[in-house]
Each structure stands twice: as structure tokens, then as C-alpha cells.
Amino acid sequence: MTGARTVRWWAFALLVALAAPIGWLVFVADGWTVNRLVVAIWSRAAALGIEATPEQTDGVLNFLMLLPATLLATLWLPRVRWWVWVAAGAATSAAIEVVQYFTARDANAYDLLFNTVGATVGALAGAWLNAALAARSGLVEGPVGVLGQEPGGHHGHAEHDPEEQEEGGSAGARHDPGDQ
């Protein structure tokens, strides 16, 4: 298996593994259980000398909830633009808050905000890692368009590039202007 495929499959496997605890937290655990979890994490942080309120701890946990998911999704499908993953994270967070509004849980605009900021940081970190991997070893292809296509549905082939055809280049050959 090539290096790029290894990175992508590990990202996919970790993303699938991450779905279970997030799914439990969002759809199975009741509000009391989530509150106890936040207080337990807050008290452990306080024991380590980290001064924060339970509300601040809840905000940090909401920030962290979608960050690894968008990071891994960006690594798994590197040709999808980072902002598509941010939009997916925001939509996921909004859907979670709607479900919580109609159940015994607390729907909160702050949760939506912190989830979306976390999704943004994760997607940007994933895009940065993809760029670093591509620059270092050519393991990952860079994004092209929104979902892997250039605007207009082209796939970046020379036969679709009018500029390339005008220069008399052959299909698949790219010329660097500095080579002339």
C-alpha cells in the first residue's frame, strides 16, 4: 500500500472509531450524564491546577468534539476543500442542536459556535498537514475545486486547458514558463 493510501486509510479508520463515542454522547447519553462528564473533567482539570469554570470546560469540550472529525475527514479525502468540511461540521452541529431541542437535552447556540470553530480548526489543520505531506513526499494530492474538480467540471487535464492547447502543448504535458 502506498504512503498516501496508508494515510487515508488510517484517517478513515480513526474517523469510524471516533463516530461511536461522539454518537453515544450526542444521541444516547441524557443531559444528566453529559453534565456529570463535564463536571468530572472539570474537577480533574482543577486538580491539575487548571482554573476554569464548568461552563468554560463545556465550551472547550464542544470545541474539541468536531475538531478531530474534520481533521481526519480532511486527511481521508484530501481533494475535498477544507471549507466543505467546515460547512459539514457546522451542519452537523446544527442538526445536533435541533435534536437536542426536541429531546430532554439543552440546545445551545454556544455549542453550535464552539463546535463550528473546532471543526474549522480541524479542517485547517488537516489541509495544512495535507499540504505538508504533498510538499515533502508527494503522498497526498492537493485539492482541486470543491469536490475534486476544477470549476466547470474539468479535471485538470491538458486537453481541457485552452491555454495549453494554444501553446501547442501535447495532452498531459505541462510547460513551465521559466523553461523557455
C-alpha atoms as a PDB file:
ATOM      1  CA  MET A   1       0.000   0.000   0.000  1.00  0.00           C
ATOM      2  CA  THR A   2       1.415   3.401  -0.943  1.00  0.00           C
ATOM      3  CA  GLY A   3       2.084   6.114   1.619  1.00  0.00           C
ATOM      4  CA  ALA A   4      -0.876   8.247   0.525  1.00  0.00           C
ATOM      5  CA  ARG A   5      -3.249   5.317   0.776  1.00  0.00           C
ATOM      6  CA  THR A   6      -1.877   4.445   4.214  1.00  0.00           C
ATOM      7  CA  VAL A   7      -2.525   7.981   5.489  1.00  0.00           C
ATOM      8  CA  ARG A   8      -6.018   7.972   4.003  1.00  0.00           C
ATOM      9  CA  TRP A   9      -6.971   4.546   5.405  1.00  0.00           C
ATOM     10  CA  TRP A  10      -5.668   5.350   8.882  1.00  0.00           C
ATOM     11  CA  ALA A  11      -7.620   8.607   8.828  1.00  0.00           C
ATOM     12  CA  PHE A  12     -10.744   6.726   7.721  1.00  0.00           C
ATOM     13  CA  ALA A  13     -10.310   4.027  10.394  1.00  0.00           C
ATOM     14  CA  LEU A  14      -9.842   6.605  13.149  1.00  0.00           C
ATOM     15  CA  LEU A  15     -12.830   8.594  11.869  1.00  0.00           C
ATOM     16  CA  VAL A  16     -15.025   5.476  12.061  1.00  0.00           C
ATOM     17  CA  ALA A  17     -13.715   4.722  15.574  1.00  0.00           C
ATOM     18  CA  LEU A  18     -14.450   8.313  16.619  1.00  0.00           C
ATOM     19  CA  ALA A  19     -18.054   8.064  15.409  1.00  0.00           C
ATOM     20  CA  ALA A  20     -19.065   5.687  18.220  1.00  0.00           C
ATOM     21  CA  PRO A  21     -18.190   7.891  21.225  1.00  0.00           C
ATOM     22  CA  ILE A  22     -19.499  11.035  19.524  1.00  0.00           C
ATOM     23  CA  GLY A  23     -22.707   9.214  18.568  1.00  0.00           C
ATOM     24  CA  TRP A  24     -23.153   7.971  22.143  1.00  0.00           C
ATOM     25  CA  LEU A  25     -22.509  11.419  23.586  1.00  0.00           C
ATOM     26  CA  VAL A  26     -24.914  13.140  21.214  1.00  0.00           C
ATOM     27  CA  PHE A  27     -27.732  10.647  20.720  1.00  0.00           C
ATOM     28  CA  VAL A  28     -27.705   8.201  23.650  1.00  0.00           C
ATOM     29  CA  ALA A  29     -26.440   9.960  26.773  1.00  0.00           C
ATOM     30  CA  ASP A  30     -29.003  12.020  28.648  1.00  0.00           C
ATOM     31  CA  GLY A  31     -28.353  15.567  29.854  1.00  0.00           C
ATOM     32  CA  TRP A  32     -27.537  14.473  33.404  1.00  0.00           C
ATOM     33  CA  THR A  33     -24.879  12.028  32.172  1.00  0.00           C
ATOM     34  CA  VAL A  34     -23.287  14.663  29.938  1.00  0.00           C
ATOM     35  CA  ASN A  35     -23.328  17.163  32.813  1.00  0.00           C
ATOM     36  CA  ARG A  36     -21.630  14.630  35.124  1.00  0.00           C
ATOM     37  CA  LEU A  37     -18.995  14.001  32.441  1.00  0.00           C
ATOM     38  CA  VAL A  38     -18.279  17.727  32.112  1.00  0.00           C
ATOM     39  CA  VAL A  39     -18.046  18.126  35.901  1.00  0.00           C
ATOM     40  CA  ALA A  40     -15.722  15.104  36.158  1.00  0.00           C
ATOM     41  CA  ILE A  41     -13.396  16.555  33.508  1.00  0.00           C
ATOM     42  CA  TRP A  42     -13.590  19.997  35.159  1.00  0.00           C
ATOM     43  CA  SER A  43     -12.680  18.556  38.566  1.00  0.00           C
ATOM     44  CA  ARG A  44      -9.710  16.626  37.079  1.00  0.00           C
ATOM     45  CA  ALA A  45      -8.517  19.809  35.375  1.00  0.00           C
ATOM     46  CA  ALA A  46      -8.874  21.724  38.650  1.00  0.00           C
ATOM     47  CA  ALA A  47      -6.810  19.037  40.413  1.00  0.00           C
ATOM     48  CA  LEU A  48      -4.088  19.694  37.829  1.00  0.00           C
ATOM     49  CA  GLY A  49      -4.185  23.408  38.642  1.00  0.00           C
ATOM     50  CA  ILE A  50      -6.159  24.473  35.566  1.00  0.00           C
ATOM     51  CA  GLU A  51      -8.511  27.240  36.609  1.00  0.00           C
ATOM     52  CA  ALA A  52     -11.758  27.124  34.656  1.00  0.00           C
ATOM     53  CA  THR A  53     -15.455  27.072  35.361  1.00  0.00           C
ATOM     54  CA  PRO A  54     -17.626  24.102  34.410  1.00  0.00           C
ATOM     55  CA  GLU A  55     -19.145  26.325  31.695  1.00  0.00           C
ATOM     56  CA  GLN A  56     -15.695  27.066  30.261  1.00  0.00           C
ATOM     57  CA  THR A  57     -14.867  23.353  30.393  1.00  0.00           C
ATOM     58  CA  ASP A  58     -18.092  22.635  28.475  1.00  0.00           C
ATOM     59  CA  GLY A  59     -17.049  25.203  25.846  1.00  0.00           C
ATOM     60  CA  VAL A  60     -13.622  23.591  25.444  1.00  0.00           C
ATOM     61  CA  LEU A  61     -15.207  20.144  25.137  1.00  0.00           C
ATOM     62  CA  ASN A  62     -17.614  21.442  22.478  1.00  0.00           C
ATOM     63  CA  PHE A  63     -14.634  22.966  20.640  1.00  0.00           C
ATOM     64  CA  LEU A  64     -12.858  19.593  20.768  1.00  0.00           C
ATOM     65  CA  MET A  65     -15.878  17.484  19.751  1.00  0.00           C
ATOM     66  CA  LEU A  66     -15.711  18.020  15.967  1.00  0.00           C
ATOM     67  CA  LEU A  67     -12.061  19.082  15.651  1.00  0.00           C
ATOM     68  CA  PRO A  68     -10.662  15.546  15.265  1.00  0.00           C
ATOM     69  CA  ALA A  69     -13.536  14.534  12.979  1.00  0.00           C
ATOM     70  CA  THR A  70     -12.869  17.309  10.452  1.00  0.00           C
ATOM     71  CA  LEU A  71      -9.100  16.843  10.760  1.00  0.00           C
ATOM     72  CA  LEU A  72      -9.430  13.140   9.940  1.00  0.00           C
ATOM     73  CA  ALA A  73     -12.007  13.737   7.193  1.00  0.00           C
ATOM     74  CA  THR A  74      -9.657  16.233   5.540  1.00  0.00           C
ATOM     75  CA  LEU A  75      -6.822  13.702   5.683  1.00  0.00           C
ATOM     76  CA  TRP A  76      -9.088  10.905   4.435  1.00  0.00           C
ATOM     77  CA  LEU A  77     -10.377  12.843   1.406  1.00  0.00           C
ATOM     78  CA  PRO A  78      -7.669  15.432   0.675  1.00  0.00           C
ATOM     79  CA  ARG A  79      -9.172  16.569  -2.632  1.00  0.00           C
ATOM     80  CA  VAL A  80     -12.233  17.977  -0.852  1.00  0.00           C
ATOM     81  CA  ARG A  81     -11.683  21.613   0.103  1.00  0.00           C
ATOM     82  CA  TRP A  82     -11.234  22.381   3.804  1.00  0.00           C
ATOM     83  CA  TRP A  83     -14.208  24.752   3.910  1.00  0.00           C
ATOM     84  CA  VAL A  84     -16.532  21.955   2.745  1.00  0.00           C
ATOM     85  CA  TRP A  85     -15.591  20.099   5.939  1.00  0.00           C
ATOM     86  CA  VAL A  86     -16.228  23.273   7.961  1.00  0.00           C
ATOM     87  CA  ALA A  87     -19.696  23.545   6.394  1.00  0.00           C
ATOM     88  CA  ALA A  88     -20.313  19.849   7.127  1.00  0.00           C
ATOM     89  CA  GLY A  89     -19.219  20.381  10.736  1.00  0.00           C
ATOM     90  CA  ALA A  90     -21.493  23.399  11.142  1.00  0.00           C
ATOM     91  CA  ALA A  91     -24.419  21.486   9.611  1.00  0.00           C
ATOM     92  CA  THR A  92     -23.729  18.505  11.883  1.00  0.00           C
ATOM     93  CA  SER A  93     -23.619  20.767  14.922  1.00  0.00           C
ATOM     94  CA  ALA A  94     -26.864  22.488  13.896  1.00  0.00           C
ATOM     95  CA  ALA A  95     -28.549  19.092  13.436  1.00  0.00           C
ATOM     96  CA  ILE A  96     -27.342  18.006  16.877  1.00  0.00           C
ATOM     97  CA  GLU A  97     -28.749  21.156  18.466  1.00  0.00           C
ATOM     98  CA  VAL A  98     -32.107  20.637  16.700  1.00  0.00           C
ATOM     99  CA  VAL A  99     -32.282  17.060  18.016  1.00  0.00           C
ATOM    100  CA  GLN A 100     -31.382  18.287  21.493  1.00  0.00           C
ATOM    101  CA  TYR A 101     -34.063  20.986  21.317  1.00  0.00           C
ATOM    102  CA  PHE A 102     -36.752  18.347  20.753  1.00  0.00           C
ATOM    103  CA  THR A 103     -35.423  15.960  23.421  1.00  0.00           C
ATOM    104  CA  ALA A 104     -34.642  16.364  27.093  1.00  0.00           C
ATOM    105  CA  ARG A 105     -31.257  17.912  26.293  1.00  0.00           C
ATOM    106  CA  ASP A 106     -30.209  21.563  26.279  1.00  0.00           C
ATOM    107  CA  ALA A 107     -29.938  23.152  22.821  1.00  0.00           C
ATOM    108  CA  ASN A 108     -27.443  25.982  22.914  1.00  0.00           C
ATOM    109  CA  ALA A 109     -26.125  28.486  20.357  1.00  0.00           C
ATOM    110  CA  TYR A 110     -22.760  28.484  22.144  1.00  0.00           C
ATOM    111  CA  ASP A 111     -22.440  24.751  21.486  1.00  0.00           C
ATOM    112  CA  LEU A 112     -23.058  25.419  17.781  1.00  0.00           C
ATOM    113  CA  LEU A 113     -20.433  28.174  17.792  1.00  0.00           C
ATOM    114  CA  PHE A 114     -17.766  26.151  19.626  1.00  0.00           C
ATOM    115  CA  ASN A 115     -18.432  23.017  17.535  1.00  0.00           C
ATOM    116  CA  THR A 116     -18.074  25.067  14.339  1.00  0.00           C
ATOM    117  CA  VAL A 117     -14.869  26.767  15.484  1.00  0.00           C
ATOM    118  CA  GLY A 118     -13.460  23.343  16.396  1.00  0.00           C
ATOM    119  CA  ALA A 119     -14.493  21.974  13.005  1.00  0.00           C
ATOM    120  CA  THR A 120     -12.753  24.934  11.351  1.00  0.00           C
ATOM    121  CA  VAL A 121      -9.503  24.394  13.258  1.00  0.00           C
ATOM    122  CA  GLY A 122      -9.607  20.658  12.468  1.00  0.00           C
ATOM    123  CA  ALA A 123     -10.217  21.215   8.752  1.00  0.00           C
ATOM    124  CA  LEU A 124      -7.484  23.861   8.520  1.00  0.00           C
ATOM    125  CA  ALA A 125      -5.042  21.602  10.385  1.00  0.00           C
ATOM    126  CA  GLY A 126      -5.899  18.742   8.030  1.00  0.00           C
ATOM    127  CA  ALA A 127      -5.418  20.956   4.973  1.00  0.00           C
ATOM    128  CA  TRP A 128      -2.071  22.128   6.352  1.00  0.00           C
ATOM    129  CA  LEU A 129      -0.982  18.532   7.010  1.00  0.00           C
ATOM    130  CA  ASN A 130      -2.056  17.502   3.500  1.00  0.00           C
ATOM    131  CA  ALA A 131      -0.046  20.375   2.010  1.00  0.00           C
ATOM    132  CA  ALA A 132       2.974  19.478   4.147  1.00  0.00           C
ATOM    133  CA  LEU A 133       2.744  15.815   3.144  1.00  0.00           C
ATOM    134  CA  ALA A 134       2.396  16.739  -0.522  1.00  0.00           C
ATOM    135  CA  ALA A 135       5.349  19.119  -0.414  1.00  0.00           C
ATOM    136  CA  ARG A 136       7.551  16.708   1.499  1.00  0.00           C
ATOM    137  CA  SER A 137       6.956  13.457  -0.277  1.00  0.00           C
ATOM    138  CA  GLY A 138       4.143  13.691  -2.777  1.00  0.00           C
ATOM    139  CA  LEU A 139       1.973  11.416  -0.636  1.00  0.00           C
ATOM    140  CA  VAL A 140      -1.197  13.479  -0.914  1.00  0.00           C
ATOM    141  CA  GLU A 141      -2.674  15.265  -3.895  1.00  0.00           C
ATOM    142  CA  GLY A 142      -3.805  18.830  -3.316  1.00  0.00           C
ATOM    143  CA  PRO A 143      -7.430  19.872  -3.573  1.00  0.00           C
ATOM    144  CA  VAL A 144      -8.886  20.806  -6.930  1.00  0.00           C
ATOM    145  CA  GLY A 145     -12.172  22.703  -6.906  1.00  0.00           C
ATOM    146  CA  VAL A 146     -14.815  21.963  -4.292  1.00  0.00           C
ATOM    147  CA  LEU A 147     -15.148  18.204  -4.599  1.00  0.00           C
ATOM    148  CA  GLY A 148     -12.085  17.254  -6.611  1.00  0.00           C
ATOM    149  CA  GLN A 149     -12.919  19.040  -9.859  1.00  0.00           C
ATOM    150  CA  GLU A 150     -11.812  22.311 -11.312  1.00  0.00           C
ATOM    151  CA  PRO A 151     -14.550  24.885 -11.967  1.00  0.00           C
ATOM    152  CA  GLY A 152     -16.615  23.879 -14.974  1.00  0.00           C
ATOM    153  CA  GLY A 153     -16.234  20.170 -14.275  1.00  0.00           C
ATOM    154  CA  HIS A 154     -12.719  19.899 -15.697  1.00  0.00           C
ATOM    155  CA  HIS A 155     -10.305  17.527 -14.038  1.00  0.00           C
ATOM    156  CA  GLY A 156      -7.109  19.428 -14.725  1.00  0.00           C
ATOM    157  CA  HIS A 157      -6.150  17.522 -17.879  1.00  0.00           C
ATOM    158  CA  ALA A 158      -4.310  19.377 -20.604  1.00  0.00           C
ATOM    159  CA  GLU A 159      -6.966  18.619 -23.218  1.00  0.00           C
ATOM    160  CA  HIS A 160      -9.330  20.825 -21.177  1.00  0.00           C
ATOM    161  CA  ASP A 161      -6.842  23.660 -20.803  1.00  0.00           C
ATOM    162  CA  PRO A 162      -7.292  26.216 -23.641  1.00  0.00           C
ATOM    163  CA  GLU A 163      -4.043  27.973 -22.715  1.00  0.00           C
ATOM    164  CA  GLU A 164      -2.124  24.714 -23.070  1.00  0.00           C
ATOM    165  CA  GLN A 165      -3.705  23.981 -26.452  1.00  0.00           C
ATOM    166  CA  GLU A 166      -2.862  27.482 -27.749  1.00  0.00           C
ATOM    167  CA  GLU A 167       0.797  26.945 -26.876  1.00  0.00           C
ATOM    168  CA  GLY A 168       0.758  23.790 -28.960  1.00  0.00           C
ATOM    169  CA  GLY A 169       1.422  21.545 -25.987  1.00  0.00           C
ATOM    170  CA  SER A 170       0.565  17.886 -26.135  1.00  0.00           C
ATOM    171  CA  ALA A 171      -2.108  16.347 -23.933  1.00  0.00           C
ATOM    172  CA  GLY A 172      -0.794  15.655 -20.463  1.00  0.00           C
ATOM    173  CA  ALA A 173       2.347  17.772 -20.881  1.00  0.00           C
ATOM    174  CA  ARG A 174       2.731  20.866 -18.744  1.00  0.00           C
ATOM    175  CA  HIS A 175       5.265  23.555 -19.544  1.00  0.00           C
ATOM    176  CA  ASP A 176       6.838  25.871 -17.026  1.00  0.00           C
ATOM    177  CA  PRO A 177       7.086  29.441 -18.429  1.00  0.00           C
ATOM    178  CA  GLY A 178      10.539  29.690 -16.853  1.00  0.00           C
ATOM    179  CA  ASP A 179      11.801  26.837 -19.071  1.00  0.00           C
ATOM    180  CA  GLN A 180      11.586  28.923 -22.285  1.00  0.00           C
END
